[in-house]
C-alpha atoms as a PDB file:
ATOM      1  CA  UNK A   1    -110.972  19.149 189.211  1.00  0.00           C
ATOM      2  CA  UNK A   2    -111.145  22.723 187.905  1.00  0.00           C
ATOM      3  CA  UNK A   3    -113.493  23.773 190.700  1.00  0.00           C
ATOM      4  CA  UNK A   4    -111.191  22.177 193.255  1.00  0.00           C
ATOM      5  CA  UNK A   5    -108.216  24.096 191.805  1.00  0.00           C
ATOM      6  CA  UNK A   6    -110.152  27.345 191.942  1.00  0.00           C
ATOM      7  CA  UNK A   7    -111.010  26.762 195.598  1.00  0.00           C
ATOM      8  CA  UNK A   8    -107.359  26.119 196.393  1.00  0.00           C
ATOM      9  CA  UNK A   9    -106.294  29.282 194.580  1.00  0.00           C
ATOM     10  CA  UNK A  10    -108.967  31.284 196.401  1.00  0.00           C
ATOM     11  CA  UNK A  11    -107.849  30.058 199.826  1.00  0.00           C
ATOM     12  CA  UNK A  12    -104.203  30.632 198.950  1.00  0.00           C
ATOM     13  CA  UNK A  13    -104.848  34.200 197.805  1.00  0.00           C
ATOM     14  CA  UNK A  14    -106.828  34.939 200.995  1.00  0.00           C
ATOM     15  CA  UNK A  15    -104.120  33.489 203.236  1.00  0.00           C
ATOM     16  CA  UNK A  16    -101.426  35.429 201.423  1.00  0.00           C
ATOM     17  CA  UNK A  17    -103.370  38.696 201.674  1.00  0.00           C
ATOM     18  CA  UNK A  18    -104.022  38.263 205.378  1.00  0.00           C
ATOM     19  CA  UNK A  19    -100.585  37.009 206.429  1.00  0.00           C
ATOM     20  CA  UNK A  20     -98.845  40.361 206.206  1.00  0.00           C
ATOM     21  CA  UNK A  21    -101.751  42.257 207.709  1.00  0.00           C
ATOM     22  CA  UNK A  22    -101.732  40.049 210.796  1.00  0.00           C
ATOM     23  CA  UNK A  23     -97.992  40.380 211.361  1.00  0.00           C
ATOM     24  CA  UNK A  24     -97.546  42.836 214.236  1.00  0.00           C
ATOM     25  CA  UNK A  25     -93.809  42.277 214.557  1.00  0.00           C
ATOM     26  CA  UNK A  26     -93.002  45.577 212.806  1.00  0.00           C
ATOM     27  CA  UNK A  27     -95.212  47.637 215.153  1.00  0.00           C
ATOM     28  CA  UNK A  28     -94.762  48.398 218.829  1.00  0.00           C
ATOM     29  CA  UNK A  29     -98.476  49.188 219.158  1.00  0.00           C
ATOM     30  CA  UNK A  30    -100.765  46.176 219.332  1.00  0.00           C
ATOM     31  CA  UNK A  31    -104.450  45.974 220.124  1.00  0.00           C
ATOM     32  CA  UNK A  32    -103.437  44.990 223.675  1.00  0.00           C
ATOM     33  CA  UNK A  33    -102.235  48.604 224.053  1.00  0.00           C
ATOM     34  CA  UNK A  34    -105.645  50.013 223.184  1.00  0.00           C
ATOM     35  CA  UNK A  35    -108.593  51.045 225.309  1.00  0.00           C
ATOM     36  CA  UNK A  36    -111.641  52.645 223.679  1.00  0.00           C
ATOM     37  CA  UNK A  37    -114.269  54.800 225.349  1.00  0.00           C
ATOM     38  CA  UNK A  38    -117.714  54.415 223.789  1.00  0.00           C
ATOM     39  CA  UNK A  39    -121.151  55.675 224.775  1.00  0.00           C
ATOM     40  CA  UNK A  40    -122.666  58.937 223.580  1.00  0.00           C
ATOM     41  CA  UNK A  41    -121.562  62.519 223.267  1.00  0.00           C
ATOM     42  CA  UNK A  42    -122.367  64.886 226.155  1.00  0.00           C
ATOM     43  CA  UNK A  43    -121.789  62.094 228.682  1.00  0.00           C
ATOM     44  CA  UNK A  44    -118.638  63.336 230.424  1.00  0.00           C
ATOM     45  CA  UNK A  45    -116.293  61.469 228.105  1.00  0.00           C
ATOM     46  CA  UNK A  46    -113.950  64.425 227.627  1.00  0.00           C
ATOM     47  CA  UNK A  47    -113.589  64.819 231.396  1.00  0.00           C
ATOM     48  CA  UNK A  48    -112.884  61.106 231.805  1.00  0.00           C
ATOM     49  CA  UNK A  49    -110.307  61.109 229.019  1.00  0.00           C
ATOM     50  CA  UNK A  50    -108.575  64.172 230.463  1.00  0.00           C
ATOM     51  CA  UNK A  51    -108.282  62.590 233.901  1.00  0.00           C
ATOM     52  CA  UNK A  52    -106.988  59.323 232.455  1.00  0.00           C
ATOM     53  CA  UNK A  53    -104.383  61.322 230.553  1.00  0.00           C
ATOM     54  CA  UNK A  54    -102.773  62.360 233.855  1.00  0.00           C
ATOM     55  CA  UNK A  55    -102.026  58.752 234.814  1.00  0.00           C
ATOM     56  CA  UNK A  56     -98.659  57.177 234.129  1.00  0.00           C
ATOM     57  CA  UNK A  57     -98.229  55.128 230.961  1.00  0.00           C
ATOM     58  CA  UNK A  58    -101.150  56.608 229.066  1.00  0.00           C
ATOM     59  CA  UNK A  59    -101.570  58.312 225.722  1.00  0.00           C
ATOM     60  CA  UNK A  60    -104.921  59.857 224.783  1.00  0.00           C
ATOM     61  CA  UNK A  61    -106.591  60.199 221.409  1.00  0.00           C
ATOM     62  CA  UNK A  62    -109.602  62.524 221.307  1.00  0.00           C
ATOM     63  CA  UNK A  63    -112.284  61.721 218.741  1.00  0.00           C
ATOM     64  CA  UNK A  64    -110.467  60.235 215.729  1.00  0.00           C
ATOM     65  CA  UNK A  65    -113.889  59.452 214.213  1.00  0.00           C
ATOM     66  CA  UNK A  66    -112.460  56.088 213.231  1.00  0.00           C
ATOM     67  CA  UNK A  67    -115.916  54.570 213.417  1.00  0.00           C
ATOM     68  CA  UNK A  68    -117.261  56.908 210.741  1.00  0.00           C
ATOM     69  CA  UNK A  69    -116.029  54.599 207.976  1.00  0.00           C
ATOM     70  CA  UNK A  70    -118.550  51.996 209.152  1.00  0.00           C
ATOM     71  CA  UNK A  71    -121.558  54.309 209.357  1.00  0.00           C
ATOM     72  CA  UNK A  72    -122.824  53.202 205.962  1.00  0.00           C
ATOM     73  CA  UNK A  73    -122.860  49.591 207.150  1.00  0.00           C
ATOM     74  CA  UNK A  74    -124.942  50.611 210.151  1.00  0.00           C
ATOM     75  CA  UNK A  75    -127.719  51.782 207.848  1.00  0.00           C
ATOM     76  CA  UNK A  76    -127.244  49.036 205.269  1.00  0.00           C
ATOM     77  CA  UNK A  77    -126.736  45.735 207.120  1.00  0.00           C
ATOM     78  CA  UNK A  78    -127.268  43.838 203.874  1.00  0.00           C
ATOM     79  CA  UNK A  79    -124.125  45.346 202.299  1.00  0.00           C
ATOM     80  CA  UNK A  80    -121.715  42.502 203.325  1.00  0.00           C
ATOM     81  CA  UNK A  81    -123.861  40.134 201.259  1.00  0.00           C
ATOM     82  CA  UNK A  82    -123.033  42.110 198.112  1.00  0.00           C
ATOM     83  CA  UNK A  83    -120.115  40.403 196.383  1.00  0.00           C
ATOM     84  CA  UNK A  84    -118.462  43.567 195.051  1.00  0.00           C
ATOM     85  CA  UNK A  85    -118.677  45.411 198.358  1.00  0.00           C
ATOM     86  CA  UNK A  86    -115.386  46.242 200.060  1.00  0.00           C
ATOM     87  CA  UNK A  87    -117.034  44.825 203.182  1.00  0.00           C
ATOM     88  CA  UNK A  88    -118.080  41.599 201.457  1.00  0.00           C
ATOM     89  CA  UNK A  89    -118.379  38.632 203.818  1.00  0.00           C
ATOM     90  CA  UNK A  90    -116.320  36.655 201.330  1.00  0.00           C
ATOM     91  CA  UNK A  91    -113.290  38.776 202.151  1.00  0.00           C
ATOM     92  CA  UNK A  92    -114.089  39.661 205.759  1.00  0.00           C
ATOM     93  CA  UNK A  93    -110.836  38.172 207.076  1.00  0.00           C
ATOM     94  CA  UNK A  94    -108.916  40.487 204.740  1.00  0.00           C
ATOM     95  CA  UNK A  95    -110.660  43.770 205.481  1.00  0.00           C
ATOM     96  CA  UNK A  96    -110.910  42.968 209.194  1.00  0.00           C
ATOM     97  CA  UNK A  97    -107.161  42.457 209.409  1.00  0.00           C
ATOM     98  CA  UNK A  98    -106.515  45.482 207.187  1.00  0.00           C
ATOM     99  CA  UNK A  99    -108.674  47.864 209.198  1.00  0.00           C
ATOM    100  CA  UNK A 100    -107.020  46.697 212.409  1.00  0.00           C
ATOM    101  CA  UNK A 101    -103.538  47.151 210.925  1.00  0.00           C
ATOM    102  CA  UNK A 102    -104.420  50.645 209.671  1.00  0.00           C
ATOM    103  CA  UNK A 103    -105.468  51.832 213.134  1.00  0.00           C
ATOM    104  CA  UNK A 104    -102.397  50.346 214.828  1.00  0.00           C
ATOM    105  CA  UNK A 105    -100.056  51.901 212.263  1.00  0.00           C
ATOM    106  CA  UNK A 106    -101.555  55.345 212.701  1.00  0.00           C
ATOM    107  CA  UNK A 107    -101.445  55.027 216.484  1.00  0.00           C
ATOM    108  CA  UNK A 108     -97.714  54.319 216.308  1.00  0.00           C
ATOM    109  CA  UNK A 109     -97.182  57.203 213.882  1.00  0.00           C
ATOM    110  CA  UNK A 110     -98.946  59.531 216.342  1.00  0.00           C
ATOM    111  CA  UNK A 111     -97.493  58.335 219.612  1.00  0.00           C
ATOM    112  CA  UNK A 112     -94.240  56.704 218.587  1.00  0.00           C
ATOM    113  CA  UNK A 113     -93.066  53.366 219.966  1.00  0.00           C
ATOM    114  CA  UNK A 114     -94.922  52.442 223.123  1.00  0.00           C
ATOM    115  CA  UNK A 115     -94.133  49.900 225.809  1.00  0.00           C
ATOM    116  CA  UNK A 116     -96.366  46.886 226.450  1.00  0.00           C
ATOM    117  CA  UNK A 117     -97.483  48.593 229.689  1.00  0.00           C
ATOM    118  CA  UNK A 118     -98.720  51.726 227.905  1.00  0.00           C
ATOM    119  CA  UNK A 119    -102.407  52.250 227.228  1.00  0.00           C
ATOM    120  CA  UNK A 120    -103.502  54.298 224.225  1.00  0.00           C
ATOM    121  CA  UNK A 121    -106.952  55.509 225.281  1.00  0.00           C
ATOM    122  CA  UNK A 122    -109.217  56.414 222.373  1.00  0.00           C
ATOM    123  CA  UNK A 123    -112.437  58.353 222.915  1.00  0.00           C
ATOM    124  CA  UNK A 124    -114.764  57.887 219.959  1.00  0.00           C
ATOM    125  CA  UNK A 125    -118.232  58.304 221.455  1.00  0.00           C
ATOM    126  CA  UNK A 126    -119.688  60.168 218.486  1.00  0.00           C
ATOM    127  CA  UNK A 127    -118.975  57.435 215.942  1.00  0.00           C
ATOM    128  CA  UNK A 128    -119.637  54.056 217.595  1.00  0.00           C
ATOM    129  CA  UNK A 129    -120.431  52.444 214.247  1.00  0.00           C
ATOM    130  CA  UNK A 130    -117.318  50.294 214.662  1.00  0.00           C
ATOM    131  CA  UNK A 131    -118.750  48.757 217.839  1.00  0.00           C
ATOM    132  CA  UNK A 132    -120.524  45.809 216.161  1.00  0.00           C
ATOM    133  CA  UNK A 133    -117.151  44.731 214.715  1.00  0.00           C
ATOM    134  CA  UNK A 134    -114.954  45.770 217.650  1.00  0.00           C
ATOM    135  CA  UNK A 135    -114.359  42.320 219.138  1.00  0.00           C
ATOM    136  CA  UNK A 136    -113.308  41.001 215.704  1.00  0.00           C
ATOM    137  CA  UNK A 137    -111.031  43.931 214.885  1.00  0.00           C
ATOM    138  CA  UNK A 138    -109.348  44.272 218.265  1.00  0.00           C
ATOM    139  CA  UNK A 139    -109.705  40.993 220.197  1.00  0.00           C
ATOM    140  CA  UNK A 140    -107.193  42.051 222.884  1.00  0.00           C
ATOM    141  CA  UNK A 141    -108.257  45.684 223.266  1.00  0.00           C
ATOM    142  CA  UNK A 142    -110.159  47.019 226.266  1.00  0.00           C
ATOM    143  CA  UNK A 143    -113.640  48.507 225.974  1.00  0.00           C
ATOM    144  CA  UNK A 144    -114.909  51.147 228.377  1.00  0.00           C
ATOM    145  CA  UNK A 145    -118.643  51.825 228.187  1.00  0.00           C
ATOM    146  CA  UNK A 146    -119.496  55.246 229.614  1.00  0.00           C
ATOM    147  CA  UNK A 147    -123.165  55.685 230.465  1.00  0.00           C
ATOM    148  CA  UNK A 148    -125.215  58.720 231.417  1.00  0.00           C
ATOM    149  CA  UNK A 149    -128.936  59.224 231.906  1.00  0.00           C
ATOM    150  CA  UNK A 150    -130.216  59.582 228.302  1.00  0.00           C
ATOM    151  CA  UNK A 151    -132.544  62.372 229.438  1.00  0.00           C
ATOM    152  CA  UNK A 152    -129.549  64.388 230.651  1.00  0.00           C
ATOM    153  CA  UNK A 153    -127.763  63.698 227.366  1.00  0.00           C
ATOM    154  CA  UNK A 154    -130.777  64.963 225.418  1.00  0.00           C
ATOM    155  CA  UNK A 155    -130.979  68.031 227.648  1.00  0.00           C
ATOM    156  CA  UNK A 156    -127.363  68.832 226.760  1.00  0.00           C
ATOM    157  CA  UNK A 157    -128.043  68.332 223.048  1.00  0.00           C
ATOM    158  CA  UNK A 158    -130.965  70.745 223.239  1.00  0.00           C
ATOM    159  CA  UNK A 159    -128.799  73.333 224.959  1.00  0.00           C
ATOM    160  CA  UNK A 160    -126.037  72.844 222.399  1.00  0.00           C
ATOM    161  CA  UNK A 161    -128.429  73.747 219.568  1.00  0.00           C
ATOM    162  CA  UNK A 162    -129.672  76.977 221.107  1.00  0.00           C
ATOM    163  CA  UNK A 163    -128.617  80.261 219.441  1.00  0.00           C
ATOM    164  CA  UNK A 164    -125.239  81.149 220.890  1.00  0.00           C
ATOM    165  CA  UNK A 165    -124.470  77.540 221.818  1.00  0.00           C
ATOM    166  CA  UNK A 166    -120.859  76.412 222.035  1.00  0.00           C
ATOM    167  CA  UNK A 167    -120.866  74.056 219.028  1.00  0.00           C
ATOM    168  CA  UNK A 168    -120.892  76.381 216.026  1.00  0.00           C
ATOM    169  CA  UNK A 169    -120.337  73.525 213.560  1.00  0.00           C
ATOM    170  CA  UNK A 170    -122.988  71.153 214.846  1.00  0.00           C
ATOM    171  CA  UNK A 171    -125.035  69.694 212.012  1.00  0.00           C
ATOM    172  CA  UNK A 172    -128.229  68.023 213.110  1.00  0.00           C
ATOM    173  CA  UNK A 173    -128.674  64.416 211.985  1.00  0.00           C
ATOM    174  CA  UNK A 174    -131.822  65.425 210.087  1.00  0.00           C
ATOM    175  CA  UNK A 175    -131.665  69.125 209.328  1.00  0.00           C
ATOM    176  CA  UNK A 176    -130.232  72.138 211.080  1.00  0.00           C
ATOM    177  CA  UNK A 177    -133.119  74.176 209.652  1.00  0.00           C
ATOM    178  CA  UNK A 178    -135.895  71.843 210.809  1.00  0.00           C
ATOM    179  CA  UNK A 179    -138.556  72.969 213.290  1.00  0.00           C
ATOM    180  CA  UNK A 180    -137.441  72.783 216.908  1.00  0.00           C
ATOM    181  CA  UNK A 181    -139.443  69.694 217.914  1.00  0.00           C
ATOM    182  CA  UNK A 182    -138.275  67.863 214.805  1.00  0.00           C
ATOM    183  CA  UNK A 183    -134.681  68.681 215.703  1.00  0.00           C
ATOM    184  CA  UNK A 184    -135.216  67.441 219.249  1.00  0.00           C
ATOM    185  CA  UNK A 185    -136.810  64.253 217.970  1.00  0.00           C
ATOM    186  CA  UNK A 186    -133.857  63.760 215.625  1.00  0.00           C
ATOM    187  CA  UNK A 187    -131.417  64.282 218.495  1.00  0.00           C
ATOM    188  CA  UNK A 188    -133.259  61.728 220.619  1.00  0.00           C
ATOM    189  CA  UNK A 189    -133.098  59.200 217.761  1.00  0.00           C
ATOM    190  CA  UNK A 190    -129.384  59.920 217.378  1.00  0.00           C
ATOM    191  CA  UNK A 191    -128.716  59.420 221.113  1.00  0.00           C
ATOM    192  CA  UNK A 192    -130.594  56.148 221.076  1.00  0.00           C
ATOM    193  CA  UNK A 193    -128.516  54.921 218.132  1.00  0.00           C
ATOM    194  CA  UNK A 194    -125.246  55.868 219.839  1.00  0.00           C
ATOM    195  CA  UNK A 195    -126.116  54.017 223.027  1.00  0.00           C
ATOM    196  CA  UNK A 196    -127.611  50.998 221.250  1.00  0.00           C
ATOM    197  CA  UNK A 197    -124.470  50.512 219.165  1.00  0.00           C
ATOM    198  CA  UNK A 198    -122.146  51.054 222.112  1.00  0.00           C
ATOM    199  CA  UNK A 199    -124.017  48.677 224.406  1.00  0.00           C
ATOM    200  CA  UNK A 200    -124.297  46.069 221.654  1.00  0.00           C
ATOM    201  CA  UNK A 201    -120.568  46.147 221.014  1.00  0.00           C
ATOM    202  CA  UNK A 202    -119.838  45.955 224.746  1.00  0.00           C
ATOM    203  CA  UNK A 203    -121.825  42.756 225.077  1.00  0.00           C
ATOM    204  CA  UNK A 204    -119.621  41.033 222.480  1.00  0.00           C
ATOM    205  CA  UNK A 205    -116.352  41.804 224.305  1.00  0.00           C
ATOM    206  CA  UNK A 206    -114.820  39.323 226.757  1.00  0.00           C
ATOM    207  CA  UNK A 207    -115.799  40.260 230.341  1.00  0.00           C
ATOM    208  CA  UNK A 208    -112.164  40.677 231.392  1.00  0.00           C
ATOM    209  CA  UNK A 209    -111.650  43.308 228.671  1.00  0.00           C
ATOM    210  CA  UNK A 210    -114.721  45.448 229.312  1.00  0.00           C
ATOM    211  CA  UNK A 211    -115.766  47.932 231.973  1.00  0.00           C
ATOM    212  CA  UNK A 212    -118.965  49.882 232.535  1.00  0.00           C
ATOM    213  CA  UNK A 213    -118.731  53.269 234.200  1.00  0.00           C
ATOM    214  CA  UNK A 214    -121.410  55.854 234.810  1.00  0.00           C
ATOM    215  CA  UNK A 215    -121.102  59.601 234.647  1.00  0.00           C
ATOM    216  CA  UNK A 216    -123.086  59.820 237.871  1.00  0.00           C
ATOM    217  CA  UNK A 217    -120.480  57.651 239.640  1.00  0.00           C
ATOM    218  CA  UNK A 218    -117.700  59.879 238.321  1.00  0.00           C
ATOM    219  CA  UNK A 219    -119.460  62.883 239.778  1.00  0.00           C
ATOM    220  CA  UNK A 220    -120.140  61.214 243.111  1.00  0.00           C
ATOM    221  CA  UNK A 221    -116.573  60.013 243.774  1.00  0.00           C
ATOM    222  CA  UNK A 222    -114.166  60.790 240.921  1.00  0.00           C
ATOM    223  CA  UNK A 223    -111.084  59.510 242.775  1.00  0.00           C
ATOM    224  CA  UNK A 224    -112.698  56.130 243.437  1.00  0.00           C
ATOM    225  CA  UNK A 225    -114.010  55.835 239.872  1.00  0.00           C
ATOM    226  CA  UNK A 226    -110.674  56.836 238.359  1.00  0.00           C
ATOM    227  CA  UNK A 227    -108.958  54.235 240.536  1.00  0.00           C
ATOM    228  CA  UNK A 228    -111.311  51.574 239.210  1.00  0.00           C
ATOM    229  CA  UNK A 229    -110.447  52.642 235.662  1.00  0.00           C
ATOM    230  CA  UNK A 230    -106.721  52.472 236.420  1.00  0.00           C
ATOM    231  CA  UNK A 231    -107.008  48.949 237.790  1.00  0.00           C
ATOM    232  CA  UNK A 232    -109.044  47.897 234.765  1.00  0.00           C
ATOM    233  CA  UNK A 233    -106.311  49.273 232.516  1.00  0.00           C
ATOM    234  CA  UNK A 234    -103.563  47.616 234.538  1.00  0.00           C
ATOM    235  CA  UNK A 235    -101.982  50.990 235.322  1.00  0.00           C
ATOM    236  CA  UNK A 236    -100.132  51.906 238.506  1.00  0.00           C
ATOM    237  CA  UNK A 237    -102.035  54.633 240.326  1.00  0.00           C
ATOM    238  CA  UNK A 238    -101.254  55.751 243.849  1.00  0.00           C
ATOM    239  CA  UNK A 239    -103.986  57.590 245.731  1.00  0.00           C
ATOM    240  CA  UNK A 240    -101.983  60.821 245.434  1.00  0.00           C
ATOM    241  CA  UNK A 241    -101.762  60.379 241.642  1.00  0.00           C
ATOM    242  CA  UNK A 242    -105.509  59.854 241.373  1.00  0.00           C
ATOM    243  CA  UNK A 243    -106.261  62.871 243.536  1.00  0.00           C
ATOM    244  CA  UNK A 244    -103.865  65.013 241.493  1.00  0.00           C
ATOM    245  CA  UNK A 245    -105.543  63.949 238.248  1.00  0.00           C
ATOM    246  CA  UNK A 246    -108.998  64.793 239.611  1.00  0.00           C
ATOM    247  CA  UNK A 247    -107.796  68.135 240.956  1.00  0.00           C
ATOM    248  CA  UNK A 248    -106.151  69.040 237.659  1.00  0.00           C
ATOM    249  CA  UNK A 249    -109.446  68.532 235.800  1.00  0.00           C
ATOM    250  CA  UNK A 250    -111.881  69.817 238.403  1.00  0.00           C
ATOM    251  CA  UNK A 251    -114.973  71.485 236.987  1.00  0.00           C
ATOM    252  CA  UNK A 252    -114.434  74.721 238.899  1.00  0.00           C
ATOM    253  CA  UNK A 253    -111.172  75.524 237.154  1.00  0.00           C
ATOM    254  CA  UNK A 254    -113.017  76.387 233.943  1.00  0.00           C
ATOM    255  CA  UNK A 255    -114.262  79.951 233.815  1.00  0.00           C
ATOM    256  CA  UNK A 256    -116.713  79.309 231.004  1.00  0.00           C
ATOM    257  CA  UNK A 257    -119.492  76.998 232.103  1.00  0.00           C
ATOM    258  CA  UNK A 258    -123.246  77.001 232.412  1.00  0.00           C
ATOM    259  CA  UNK A 259    -125.955  77.303 229.778  1.00  0.00           C
ATOM    260  CA  UNK A 260    -124.716  77.223 226.157  1.00  0.00           C
ATOM    261  CA  UNK A 261    -121.149  76.372 227.305  1.00  0.00           C
ATOM    262  CA  UNK A 262    -119.248  73.182 226.478  1.00  0.00           C
ATOM    263  CA  UNK A 263    -118.996  72.418 230.203  1.00  0.00           C
ATOM    264  CA  UNK A 264    -122.410  73.160 231.595  1.00  0.00           C
ATOM    265  CA  UNK A 265    -123.152  72.302 235.230  1.00  0.00           C
ATOM    266  CA  UNK A 266    -121.229  69.163 236.187  1.00  0.00           C
ATOM    267  CA  UNK A 267    -124.357  67.690 237.793  1.00  0.00           C
ATOM    268  CA  UNK A 268    -126.672  64.731 237.351  1.00  0.00           C
ATOM    269  CA  UNK A 269    -130.419  65.044 236.776  1.00  0.00           C
ATOM    270  CA  UNK A 270    -130.111  68.501 235.242  1.00  0.00           C
ATOM    271  CA  UNK A 271    -132.947  67.719 232.801  1.00  0.00           C
ATOM    272  CA  UNK A 272    -135.381  68.105 235.696  1.00  0.00           C
ATOM    273  CA  UNK A 273    -134.393  71.725 236.430  1.00  0.00           C
ATOM    274  CA  UNK A 274    -132.947  73.179 233.211  1.00  0.00           C
ATOM    275  CA  UNK A 275    -136.277  74.227 231.744  1.00  0.00           C
ATOM    276  CA  UNK A 276    -135.588  72.396 228.475  1.00  0.00           C
ATOM    277  CA  UNK A 277    -137.966  69.528 229.241  1.00  0.00           C
ATOM    278  CA  UNK A 278    -141.300  71.088 228.430  1.00  0.00           C
ATOM    279  CA  UNK A 279    -144.296  68.721 228.363  1.00  0.00           C
ATOM    280  CA  UNK A 280    -143.834  68.297 224.604  1.00  0.00           C
ATOM    281  CA  UNK A 281    -140.111  67.548 224.936  1.00  0.00           C
ATOM    282  CA  UNK A 282    -140.776  65.160 227.822  1.00  0.00           C
ATOM    283  CA  UNK A 283    -143.271  63.263 225.662  1.00  0.00           C
ATOM    284  CA  UNK A 284    -140.687  62.942 222.877  1.00  0.00           C
ATOM    285  CA  UNK A 285    -138.012  61.820 225.360  1.00  0.00           C
ATOM    286  CA  UNK A 286    -140.261  59.178 226.879  1.00  0.00           C
ATOM    287  CA  UNK A 287    -141.342  57.917 223.477  1.00  0.00           C
ATOM    288  CA  UNK A 288    -137.840  57.550 222.015  1.00  0.00           C
ATOM    289  CA  UNK A 289    -135.550  57.171 225.032  1.00  0.00           C
ATOM    290  CA  UNK A 290    -137.847  55.808 227.731  1.00  0.00           C
ATOM    291  CA  UNK A 291    -137.206  52.110 227.191  1.00  0.00           C
ATOM    292  CA  UNK A 292    -133.476  52.738 226.673  1.00  0.00           C
ATOM    293  CA  UNK A 293    -133.377  54.645 229.941  1.00  0.00           C
ATOM    294  CA  UNK A 294    -135.014  51.689 231.686  1.00  0.00           C
ATOM    295  CA  UNK A 295    -132.596  49.194 230.102  1.00  0.00           C
ATOM    296  CA  UNK A 296    -129.668  51.285 231.283  1.00  0.00           C
ATOM    297  CA  UNK A 297    -131.191  51.241 234.780  1.00  0.00           C
ATOM    298  CA  UNK A 298    -131.973  54.921 235.110  1.00  0.00           C
ATOM    299  CA  UNK A 299    -135.263  54.413 236.870  1.00  0.00           C
ATOM    300  CA  UNK A 300    -138.803  55.533 236.199  1.00  0.00           C
ATOM    301  CA  UNK A 301    -139.229  57.492 232.963  1.00  0.00           C
ATOM    302  CA  UNK A 302    -142.498  59.120 234.071  1.00  0.00           C
END
């Protein structure tokens, strides 16, 4: 009888804790207002977000690093089995609801009340550690998976780490002081992790709430690609609006571009001509990113 009473008290305490966290009636922002962009850094995500920001009924949130709070779980998958862990499986319904509520509350604090038609578009490509839990946290949110040839992504990472590169605060996943090939190997590992997490999370989302887009398609026909994004988001977008958004964020308007710059060349396949892919770098890229590149359908890695 005592054990039965304890079970009842446990279930009651869980239900009571979750009830308020699941009540969205006090917020205008719900997960149905959210669209996240995942993938990897240096994949054109800033350009995509900027163009989407020109469409009606959008708000944009650039790199909140929301996923960073789940990075520890990514490296310690056994942690939810530990009873005293905040992320204990025993209390997963509580922390899942709480994390969701926290994000929605901050979104409303940032953007104010939003209409049901508004999309808050969140780019968080550098911290996709939330992706394995995304479908549980935000079951009505949209998920945009932005892909780019992993070799081109690595080429951009290499350029970013050169002396005089644009990212003065970049800290390498292993060590900023490591030998060059070790840094490149670390960057390749990092890129693989970003894409693996993003693709894994994408596969768990309902097909109607997910969209795959490629950087190469954006380059080839940005108006068409942006129109596809608008339809996915349920946003009104006349052809003139799409063209205006693309024109406003055209690559040529930026005076600083090229090697070492944040915006480099605005081209696909740059790894083949940049000079960064020496035979040694190519071997590292094939070893770490080759199978990923094939899975993402970017052709022969040789």
